[in-house]
Amino acid sequence: MKKISLAHLKENQKARILEISGGSNLASRLMSMGIYPGTTVTKLNHFAMRGPVTIKCGRSTLAIGYGVAAKIIVELA
């Protein structure tokens, strides 16, 4: 499967998280929100010019920064 970052997914596209390429602080912060490797997420939308990325993870809808989304590596589901 093709590996891309979460920031580069298209709207309403599902993907499975493979890895978080940031440091341990970023990984633990994302894990506390329910975002960890093996989880399936759906990218709902993003705002223009590298704005926040809105995702659906389980029953939660979350907005994360573009830089954080770029560090989450996913494969298309």
PDB file of N, CA and C in Angstrom:
ATOM      1  N   MET A   1       0.840  -1.193   0.000  1.00  0.00           N
ATOM      2  CA  MET A   1       0.000   0.000   0.000  1.00  0.00           C
ATOM      3  C   MET A   1       0.877   1.246   0.000  1.00  0.00           C
ATOM      4  N   LYS A   2       0.289   2.319  -0.416  1.00  0.00           N
ATOM      5  CA  LYS A   2       1.003   3.587  -0.525  1.00  0.00           C
ATOM      6  C   LYS A   2       1.024   4.307   0.819  1.00  0.00           C
ATOM      7  N   LYS A   3       2.206   4.742   1.241  1.00  0.00           N
ATOM      8  CA  LYS A   3       2.353   5.486   2.491  1.00  0.00           C
ATOM      9  C   LYS A   3       2.368   6.975   2.191  1.00  0.00           C
ATOM     10  N   ILE A   4       1.498   7.730   2.871  1.00  0.00           N
ATOM     11  CA  ILE A   4       1.472   9.186   2.752  1.00  0.00           C
ATOM     12  C   ILE A   4       1.197   9.770   4.130  1.00  0.00           C
ATOM     13  N   SER A   5       1.329  11.072   4.243  1.00  0.00           N
ATOM     14  CA  SER A   5       1.028  11.697   5.533  1.00  0.00           C
ATOM     15  C   SER A   5      -0.465  11.992   5.611  1.00  0.00           C
ATOM     16  N   LEU A   6      -0.954  12.111   6.806  1.00  0.00           N
ATOM     17  CA  LEU A   6      -2.365  12.402   7.035  1.00  0.00           C
ATOM     18  C   LEU A   6      -2.759  13.738   6.418  1.00  0.00           C
ATOM     19  N   ALA A   7      -1.845  14.681   6.381  1.00  0.00           N
ATOM     20  CA  ALA A   7      -2.133  16.003   5.817  1.00  0.00           C
ATOM     21  C   ALA A   7      -2.409  15.932   4.316  1.00  0.00           C
ATOM     22  N   HIS A   8      -1.885  14.917   3.628  1.00  0.00           N
ATOM     23  CA  HIS A   8      -2.044  14.818   2.179  1.00  0.00           C
ATOM     24  C   HIS A   8      -3.226  13.956   1.743  1.00  0.00           C
ATOM     25  N   LEU A   9      -3.997  13.437   2.676  1.00  0.00           N
ATOM     26  CA  LEU A   9      -5.208  12.705   2.301  1.00  0.00           C
ATOM     27  C   LEU A   9      -6.221  13.661   1.709  1.00  0.00           C
ATOM     28  N   LYS A  10      -7.122  13.135   0.897  1.00  0.00           N
ATOM     29  CA  LYS A  10      -8.215  13.939   0.364  1.00  0.00           C
ATOM     30  C   LYS A  10      -9.381  13.902   1.359  1.00  0.00           C
ATOM     31  N   GLU A  11     -10.333  14.810   1.175  1.00  0.00           N
ATOM     32  CA  GLU A  11     -11.482  14.864   2.076  1.00  0.00           C
ATOM     33  C   GLU A  11     -12.282  13.571   2.004  1.00  0.00           C
ATOM     34  N   ASN A  12     -12.792  13.146   3.157  1.00  0.00           N
ATOM     35  CA  ASN A  12     -13.614  11.942   3.321  1.00  0.00           C
ATOM     36  C   ASN A  12     -12.894  10.667   2.894  1.00  0.00           C
ATOM     37  N   GLN A  13     -11.582  10.646   3.036  1.00  0.00           N
ATOM     38  CA  GLN A  13     -10.795   9.463   2.696  1.00  0.00           C
ATOM     39  C   GLN A  13     -10.360   8.774   3.989  1.00  0.00           C
ATOM     40  N   LYS A  14     -10.511   7.448   4.020  1.00  0.00           N
ATOM     41  CA  LYS A  14     -10.127   6.674   5.199  1.00  0.00           C
ATOM     42  C   LYS A  14      -8.719   6.145   5.047  1.00  0.00           C
ATOM     43  N   ALA A  15      -8.031   6.041   6.190  1.00  0.00           N
ATOM     44  CA  ALA A  15      -6.671   5.511   6.192  1.00  0.00           C
ATOM     45  C   ALA A  15      -6.375   4.903   7.558  1.00  0.00           C
ATOM     46  N   ARG A  16      -5.382   4.015   7.579  1.00  0.00           N
ATOM     47  CA  ARG A  16      -4.937   3.390   8.823  1.00  0.00           C
ATOM     48  C   ARG A  16      -3.588   3.985   9.195  1.00  0.00           C
ATOM     49  N   ILE A  17      -3.442   4.370  10.446  1.00  0.00           N
ATOM     50  CA  ILE A  17      -2.203   4.979  10.914  1.00  0.00           C
ATOM     51  C   ILE A  17      -1.123   3.916  11.022  1.00  0.00           C
ATOM     52  N   LEU A  18       0.036   4.184  10.405  1.00  0.00           N
ATOM     53  CA  LEU A  18       1.164   3.267  10.473  1.00  0.00           C
ATOM     54  C   LEU A  18       2.159   3.686  11.544  1.00  0.00           C
ATOM     55  N   GLU A  19       2.489   4.973  11.573  1.00  0.00           N
ATOM     56  CA  GLU A  19       3.481   5.448  12.540  1.00  0.00           C
ATOM     57  C   GLU A  19       3.316   6.940  12.768  1.00  0.00           C
ATOM     58  N   ILE A  20       3.880   7.382  13.878  1.00  0.00           N
ATOM     59  CA  ILE A  20       3.938   8.801  14.205  1.00  0.00           C
ATOM     60  C   ILE A  20       5.416   9.164  14.207  1.00  0.00           C
ATOM     61  N   SER A  21       5.811  10.016  13.252  1.00  0.00           N
ATOM     62  CA  SER A  21       7.234  10.281  13.068  1.00  0.00           C
ATOM     63  C   SER A  21       7.765  11.411  13.956  1.00  0.00           C
ATOM     64  N   GLY A  22       6.951  11.962  14.824  1.00  0.00           N
ATOM     65  CA  GLY A  22       7.428  12.987  15.752  1.00  0.00           C
ATOM     66  C   GLY A  22       8.116  12.342  16.941  1.00  0.00           C
ATOM     67  N   GLY A  23       8.446  13.124  17.914  1.00  0.00           N
ATOM     68  CA  GLY A  23       9.104  12.612  19.112  1.00  0.00           C
ATOM     69  C   GLY A  23       8.129  11.925  20.062  1.00  0.00           C
ATOM     70  N   SER A  24       8.644  11.522  21.212  1.00  0.00           N
ATOM     71  CA  SER A  24       7.818  10.797  22.176  1.00  0.00           C
ATOM     72  C   SER A  24       6.752  11.692  22.798  1.00  0.00           C
ATOM     73  N   ASN A  25       7.029  12.984  22.948  1.00  0.00           N
ATOM     74  CA  ASN A  25       6.012  13.885  23.493  1.00  0.00           C
ATOM     75  C   ASN A  25       4.822  13.999  22.561  1.00  0.00           C
ATOM     76  N   LEU A  26       5.070  14.120  21.270  1.00  0.00           N
ATOM     77  CA  LEU A  26       3.986  14.194  20.297  1.00  0.00           C
ATOM     78  C   LEU A  26       3.204  12.889  20.276  1.00  0.00           C
ATOM     79  N   ALA A  27       3.910  11.769  20.288  1.00  0.00           N
ATOM     80  CA  ALA A  27       3.249  10.469  20.253  1.00  0.00           C
ATOM     81  C   ALA A  27       2.353  10.273  21.477  1.00  0.00           C
ATOM     82  N   SER A  28       2.828  10.643  22.646  1.00  0.00           N
ATOM     83  CA  SER A  28       2.009  10.463  23.847  1.00  0.00           C
ATOM     84  C   SER A  28       0.822  11.416  23.851  1.00  0.00           C
ATOM     85  N   ARG A  29       0.997  12.628  23.328  1.00  0.00           N
ATOM     86  CA  ARG A  29      -0.123  13.568  23.257  1.00  0.00           C
ATOM     87  C   ARG A  29      -1.206  13.063  22.307  1.00  0.00           C
ATOM     88  N   LEU A  30      -0.783  12.511  21.155  1.00  0.00           N
ATOM     89  CA  LEU A  30      -1.751  11.976  20.208  1.00  0.00           C
ATOM     90  C   LEU A  30      -2.425  10.719  20.744  1.00  0.00           C
ATOM     91  N   MET A  31      -1.667   9.889  21.440  1.00  0.00           N
ATOM     92  CA  MET A  31      -2.254   8.679  22.015  1.00  0.00           C
ATOM     93  C   MET A  31      -3.306   9.010  23.057  1.00  0.00           C
ATOM     94  N   SER A  32      -3.116  10.096  23.796  1.00  0.00           N
ATOM     95  CA  SER A  32      -4.120  10.490  24.782  1.00  0.00           C
ATOM     96  C   SER A  32      -5.413  10.946  24.110  1.00  0.00           C
ATOM     97  N   MET A  33      -5.321  11.336  22.824  1.00  0.00           N
ATOM     98  CA  MET A  33      -6.516  11.720  22.065  1.00  0.00           C
ATOM     99  C   MET A  33      -7.114  10.536  21.305  1.00  0.00           C
ATOM    100  N   GLY A  34      -6.477   9.371  21.377  1.00  0.00           N
ATOM    101  CA  GLY A  34      -6.980   8.184  20.693  1.00  0.00           C
ATOM    102  C   GLY A  34      -6.378   7.959  19.324  1.00  0.00           C
ATOM    103  N   ILE A  35      -5.311   8.681  19.011  1.00  0.00           N
ATOM    104  CA  ILE A  35      -4.642   8.545  17.712  1.00  0.00           C
ATOM    105  C   ILE A  35      -3.348   7.770  17.937  1.00  0.00           C
ATOM    106  N   TYR A  36      -3.320   6.525  17.498  1.00  0.00           N
ATOM    107  CA  TYR A  36      -2.143   5.679  17.663  1.00  0.00           C
ATOM    108  C   TYR A  36      -2.053   4.693  16.506  1.00  0.00           C
ATOM    109  N   PRO A  37      -0.900   4.095  16.273  1.00  0.00           N
ATOM    110  CA  PRO A  37      -0.741   3.170  15.138  1.00  0.00           C
ATOM    111  C   PRO A  37      -1.763   2.037  15.180  1.00  0.00           C
ATOM    112  N   GLY A  38      -2.320   1.753  14.002  1.00  0.00           N
ATOM    113  CA  GLY A  38      -3.323   0.712  13.876  1.00  0.00           C
ATOM    114  C   GLY A  38      -4.748   1.244  13.860  1.00  0.00           C
ATOM    115  N   THR A  39      -4.941   2.491  14.249  1.00  0.00           N
ATOM    116  CA  THR A  39      -6.264   3.097  14.275  1.00  0.00           C
ATOM    117  C   THR A  39      -6.654   3.563  12.878  1.00  0.00           C
ATOM    118  N   THR A  40      -7.919   3.394  12.528  1.00  0.00           N
ATOM    119  CA  THR A  40      -8.432   3.897  11.261  1.00  0.00           C
ATOM    120  C   THR A  40      -9.035   5.275  11.488  1.00  0.00           C
ATOM    121  N   VAL A  41      -8.655   6.227  10.665  1.00  0.00           N
ATOM    122  CA  VAL A  41      -9.161   7.599  10.765  1.00  0.00           C
ATOM    123  C   VAL A  41      -9.736   8.022   9.416  1.00  0.00           C
ATOM    124  N   THR A  42     -10.613   9.007   9.456  1.00  0.00           N
ATOM    125  CA  THR A  42     -11.179   9.593   8.252  1.00  0.00           C
ATOM    126  C   THR A  42     -10.879  11.075   8.261  1.00  0.00           C
ATOM    127  N   LYS A  43     -10.283  11.572   7.198  1.00  0.00           N
ATOM    128  CA  LYS A  43     -10.016  13.006   7.107  1.00  0.00           C
ATOM    129  C   LYS A  43     -11.289  13.680   6.624  1.00  0.00           C
ATOM    130  N   LEU A  44     -11.831  14.566   7.457  1.00  0.00           N
ATOM    131  CA  LEU A  44     -13.078  15.227   7.107  1.00  0.00           C
ATOM    132  C   LEU A  44     -12.843  16.426   6.203  1.00  0.00           C
ATOM    133  N   ASN A  45     -11.945  17.311   6.595  1.00  0.00           N
ATOM    134  CA  ASN A  45     -11.613  18.452   5.751  1.00  0.00           C
ATOM    135  C   ASN A  45     -10.358  19.120   6.264  1.00  0.00           C
ATOM    136  N   HIS A  46      -9.893  20.096   5.507  1.00  0.00           N
ATOM    137  CA  HIS A  46      -8.752  20.897   5.930  1.00  0.00           C
ATOM    138  C   HIS A  46      -8.990  22.324   5.463  1.00  0.00           C
ATOM    139  N   PHE A  47      -8.374  23.236   6.125  1.00  0.00           N
ATOM    140  CA  PHE A  47      -8.534  24.636   5.784  1.00  0.00           C
ATOM    141  C   PHE A  47      -7.390  25.070   4.879  1.00  0.00           C
ATOM    142  N   ALA A  48      -7.609  26.106   4.132  1.00  0.00           N
ATOM    143  CA  ALA A  48      -6.637  26.555   3.139  1.00  0.00           C
ATOM    144  C   ALA A  48      -5.317  26.992   3.782  1.00  0.00           C
ATOM    145  N   MET A  49      -4.270  26.888   2.992  1.00  0.00           N
ATOM    146  CA  MET A  49      -2.952  27.383   3.372  1.00  0.00           C
ATOM    147  C   MET A  49      -2.416  26.771   4.670  1.00  0.00           C
ATOM    148  N   ARG A  50      -2.390  25.463   4.717  1.00  0.00           N
ATOM    149  CA  ARG A  50      -1.803  24.731   5.844  1.00  0.00           C
ATOM    150  C   ARG A  50      -2.488  25.016   7.174  1.00  0.00           C
ATOM    151  N   GLY A  51      -3.789  25.114   7.125  1.00  0.00           N
ATOM    152  CA  GLY A  51      -4.568  25.325   8.346  1.00  0.00           C
ATOM    153  C   GLY A  51      -4.826  24.008   9.050  1.00  0.00           C
ATOM    154  N   PRO A  52      -5.658  24.012  10.077  1.00  0.00           N
ATOM    155  CA  PRO A  52      -5.954  22.785  10.824  1.00  0.00           C
ATOM    156  C   PRO A  52      -6.598  21.705   9.951  1.00  0.00           C
ATOM    157  N   VAL A  53      -6.363  20.461  10.315  1.00  0.00           N
ATOM    158  CA  VAL A  53      -6.920  19.303   9.635  1.00  0.00           C
ATOM    159  C   VAL A  53      -7.932  18.668  10.583  1.00  0.00           C
ATOM    160  N   THR A  54      -9.159  18.453  10.100  1.00  0.00           N
ATOM    161  CA  THR A  54     -10.205  17.852  10.915  1.00  0.00           C
ATOM    162  C   THR A  54     -10.312  16.375  10.561  1.00  0.00           C
ATOM    163  N   ILE A  55     -10.258  15.514  11.587  1.00  0.00           N
ATOM    164  CA  ILE A  55     -10.333  14.072  11.369  1.00  0.00           C
ATOM    165  C   ILE A  55     -11.385  13.460  12.277  1.00  0.00           C
ATOM    166  N   LYS A  56     -11.852  12.287  11.874  1.00  0.00           N
ATOM    167  CA  LYS A  56     -12.759  11.505  12.713  1.00  0.00           C
ATOM    168  C   LYS A  56     -12.020  10.250  13.115  1.00  0.00           C
ATOM    169  N   CYS A  57     -11.913  10.041  14.409  1.00  0.00           N
ATOM    170  CA  CYS A  57     -11.194   8.905  14.965  1.00  0.00           C
ATOM    171  C   CYS A  57     -12.141   8.218  15.951  1.00  0.00           C
ATOM    172  N   GLY A  58     -12.663   7.064  15.568  1.00  0.00           N
ATOM    173  CA  GLY A  58     -13.675   6.418  16.407  1.00  0.00           C
ATOM    174  C   GLY A  58     -14.951   7.239  16.379  1.00  0.00           C
ATOM    175  N   ARG A  59     -15.446   7.619  17.566  1.00  0.00           N
ATOM    176  CA  ARG A  59     -16.632   8.471  17.635  1.00  0.00           C
ATOM    177  C   ARG A  59     -16.273   9.932  17.870  1.00  0.00           C
ATOM    178  N   SER A  60     -14.999  10.257  17.872  1.00  0.00           N
ATOM    179  CA  SER A  60     -14.546  11.619  18.150  1.00  0.00           C
ATOM    180  C   SER A  60     -14.166  12.345  16.862  1.00  0.00           C
ATOM    181  N   THR A  61     -14.448  13.637  16.838  1.00  0.00           N
ATOM    182  CA  THR A  61     -14.000  14.501  15.759  1.00  0.00           C
ATOM    183  C   THR A  61     -12.952  15.436  16.344  1.00  0.00           C
ATOM    184  N   LEU A  62     -11.767  15.452  15.740  1.00  0.00           N
ATOM    185  CA  LEU A  62     -10.641  16.211  16.275  1.00  0.00           C
ATOM    186  C   LEU A  62     -10.074  17.141  15.214  1.00  0.00           C
ATOM    187  N   ALA A  63      -9.549  18.270  15.650  1.00  0.00           N
ATOM    188  CA  ALA A  63      -8.825  19.177  14.766  1.00  0.00           C
ATOM    189  C   ALA A  63      -7.380  19.214  15.243  1.00  0.00           C
ATOM    190  N   ILE A  64      -6.472  18.911  14.340  1.00  0.00           N
ATOM    191  CA  ILE A  64      -5.049  18.947  14.678  1.00  0.00           C
ATOM    192  C   ILE A  64      -4.351  19.866  13.685  1.00  0.00           C
ATOM    193  N   GLY A  65      -3.224  20.395  14.070  1.00  0.00           N
ATOM    194  CA  GLY A  65      -2.471  21.295  13.209  1.00  0.00           C
ATOM    195  C   GLY A  65      -1.907  20.586  11.992  1.00  0.00           C
ATOM    196  N   TYR A  66      -1.644  21.358  10.966  1.00  0.00           N
ATOM    197  CA  TYR A  66      -1.106  20.808   9.725  1.00  0.00           C
ATOM    198  C   TYR A  66       0.260  20.149   9.961  1.00  0.00           C
ATOM    199  N   GLY A  67       1.103  20.774  10.772  1.00  0.00           N
ATOM    200  CA  GLY A  67       2.422  20.219  11.050  1.00  0.00           C
ATOM    201  C   GLY A  67       2.348  18.885  11.762  1.00  0.00           C
ATOM    202  N   VAL A  68       1.400  18.752  12.678  1.00  0.00           N
ATOM    203  CA  VAL A  68       1.204  17.478  13.387  1.00  0.00           C
ATOM    204  C   VAL A  68       0.669  16.433  12.420  1.00  0.00           C
ATOM    205  N   ALA A  69      -0.299  16.819  11.582  1.00  0.00           N
ATOM    206  CA  ALA A  69      -0.875  15.881  10.608  1.00  0.00           C
ATOM    207  C   ALA A  69       0.177  15.406   9.616  1.00  0.00           C
ATOM    208  N   ALA A  70       1.136  16.260   9.295  1.00  0.00           N
ATOM    209  CA  ALA A  70       2.195  15.870   8.361  1.00  0.00           C
ATOM    210  C   ALA A  70       3.140  14.833   8.965  1.00  0.00           C
ATOM    211  N   LYS A  71       3.172  14.711  10.286  1.00  0.00           N
ATOM    212  CA  LYS A  71       4.040  13.738  10.959  1.00  0.00           C
ATOM    213  C   LYS A  71       3.361  12.403  11.220  1.00  0.00           C
ATOM    214  N   ILE A  72       2.093  12.286  10.852  1.00  0.00           N
ATOM    215  CA  ILE A  72       1.351  11.034  11.009  1.00  0.00           C
ATOM    216  C   ILE A  72       1.350  10.322   9.660  1.00  0.00           C
ATOM    217  N   ILE A  73       1.997   9.176   9.603  1.00  0.00           N
ATOM    218  CA  ILE A  73       2.120   8.414   8.351  1.00  0.00           C
ATOM    219  C   ILE A  73       1.008   7.375   8.314  1.00  0.00           C
ATOM    220  N   VAL A  74       0.258   7.354   7.191  1.00  0.00           N
ATOM    221  CA  VAL A  74      -0.891   6.467   7.070  1.00  0.00           C
ATOM    222  C   VAL A  74      -0.803   5.674   5.757  1.00  0.00           C
ATOM    223  N   GLU A  75      -1.626   4.626   5.670  1.00  0.00           N
ATOM    224  CA  GLU A  75      -1.833   3.916   4.410  1.00  0.00           C
ATOM    225  C   GLU A  75      -3.319   3.902   4.138  1.00  0.00           C
ATOM    226  N   LEU A  76      -3.671   3.998   2.872  1.00  0.00           N
ATOM    227  CA  LEU A  76      -5.073   4.058   2.496  1.00  0.00           C
ATOM    228  C   LEU A  76      -5.778   2.774   2.872  1.00  0.00           C
ATOM    229  N   ALA A  77      -6.999   2.919   3.389  1.00  0.00           N
ATOM    230  CA  ALA A  77      -7.772   1.744   3.820  1.00  0.00           C
ATOM    231  C   ALA A  77      -8.695   1.261   2.715  1.00  0.00           C
TER     232      ALA A  77
END
